[in-house]
Amino acid sequence: MGLLTVPLLAFLGALGATVLVLGISHVADATSADRLALAGVAVSFIIMAGANILIILGDPRTMGPTYLSADHPFGMRYLAL
């Protein structure tokens, strides 16, 4: 692994996401800017969900039992059992 591995993979990931957004907008015949932006948001959410799954599965500290608490004053949070 060289010094340029992370920047190169980040560039390739961004290029892939751009191609995916343009492909979705082309298949859906979305020619307006707002439809293109919505396709980008959808692709971004899907990619972030995949990244979060990888983070959760990769960190052994996150595998313990948790539950969702809604009584926190700033909104929901996860608490360890």
Protein backbone atom coordinates (compact mmCIF):
# COMPACT_ATOMS: atom_id res chain seq x y z
CA MET A 1 0.00 0.00 0.00
CA GLY A 2 1.50 3.22 -1.12
CA LEU A 3 1.10 6.81 -0.17
CA LEU A 4 -1.45 7.48 -2.92
CA THR A 5 -3.74 4.52 -2.17
CA VAL A 6 -6.38 6.40 -0.16
CA PRO A 7 -6.60 9.43 -2.49
CA LEU A 8 -6.75 7.19 -5.54
CA LEU A 9 -9.50 5.00 -4.07
CA ALA A 10 -11.41 8.10 -2.92
CA PHE A 11 -11.23 9.55 -6.41
CA LEU A 12 -12.37 6.28 -7.97
CA GLY A 13 -15.25 6.02 -5.50
CA ALA A 14 -16.38 9.57 -6.26
CA LEU A 15 -16.10 8.90 -9.98
CA GLY A 16 -18.17 5.74 -9.58
CA ALA A 17 -20.83 7.59 -7.60
CA THR A 18 -20.97 10.30 -10.27
CA VAL A 19 -21.37 7.73 -13.03
CA LEU A 20 -24.08 6.01 -10.99
CA VAL A 21 -26.01 9.27 -10.47
CA LEU A 22 -25.76 10.17 -14.15
CA GLY A 23 -26.82 6.64 -15.12
CA ILE A 24 -29.87 6.75 -12.83
CA SER A 25 -30.89 10.16 -14.12
CA HIS A 26 -30.48 8.95 -17.71
CA VAL A 27 -32.56 5.79 -17.16
CA ALA A 28 -35.26 7.75 -15.31
CA ASP A 29 -35.20 10.43 -18.04
CA ALA A 30 -34.58 13.08 -15.38
CA THR A 31 -33.26 16.04 -17.32
CA SER A 32 -33.95 18.79 -14.79
CA ALA A 33 -31.44 19.87 -12.18
CA ASP A 34 -33.72 19.09 -9.24
CA ARG A 35 -34.18 15.47 -10.38
CA LEU A 36 -30.43 15.13 -10.81
CA ALA A 37 -29.89 16.49 -7.30
CA LEU A 38 -32.46 14.07 -5.87
CA ALA A 39 -30.76 11.15 -7.61
CA GLY A 40 -27.48 12.29 -6.09
CA VAL A 41 -29.00 12.46 -2.62
CA ALA A 42 -30.45 8.95 -3.02
CA VAL A 43 -27.12 7.52 -4.15
CA SER A 44 -25.37 9.32 -1.29
CA PHE A 45 -27.75 7.81 1.28
CA ILE A 46 -27.23 4.32 -0.11
CA ILE A 47 -23.44 4.67 -0.11
CA MET A 48 -23.44 6.06 3.44
CA ALA A 49 -25.66 3.20 4.62
CA GLY A 50 -23.13 0.75 3.20
CA ALA A 51 -20.26 2.61 4.84
CA ASN A 52 -22.05 2.60 8.20
CA ILE A 53 -22.64 -1.14 7.93
CA LEU A 54 -18.92 -1.64 7.29
CA ILE A 55 -18.05 0.54 10.29
CA ILE A 56 -20.44 -1.34 12.58
CA LEU A 57 -19.28 -4.75 11.40
CA GLY A 58 -15.61 -3.78 11.55
CA ASP A 59 -15.54 -2.42 15.11
CA PRO A 60 -15.98 -5.10 17.77
CA ARG A 61 -17.08 -2.50 20.34
CA THR A 62 -20.28 -1.85 18.36
CA MET A 63 -21.39 -5.50 18.40
CA GLY A 64 -22.63 -5.43 22.01
CA PRO A 65 -26.34 -5.27 22.80
CA THR A 66 -27.80 -1.79 22.58
CA TYR A 67 -31.20 -0.23 22.69
CA LEU A 68 -32.57 3.04 21.41
CA SER A 69 -33.54 5.60 24.02
CA ALA A 70 -35.99 8.34 23.07
CA ASP A 71 -35.99 10.09 26.46
CA HIS A 72 -32.74 11.97 25.82
CA PRO A 73 -33.32 15.76 25.76
CA PHE A 74 -31.43 16.17 22.48
CA GLY A 75 -33.22 13.33 20.67
CA MET A 76 -32.58 9.65 20.29
CA ARG A 77 -29.35 7.94 21.29
CA TYR A 78 -28.06 4.41 21.70
CA LEU A 79 -27.38 3.11 25.17
CA ALA A 80 -25.49 -0.03 26.16
CA LEU A 81 -27.47 -2.62 28.06
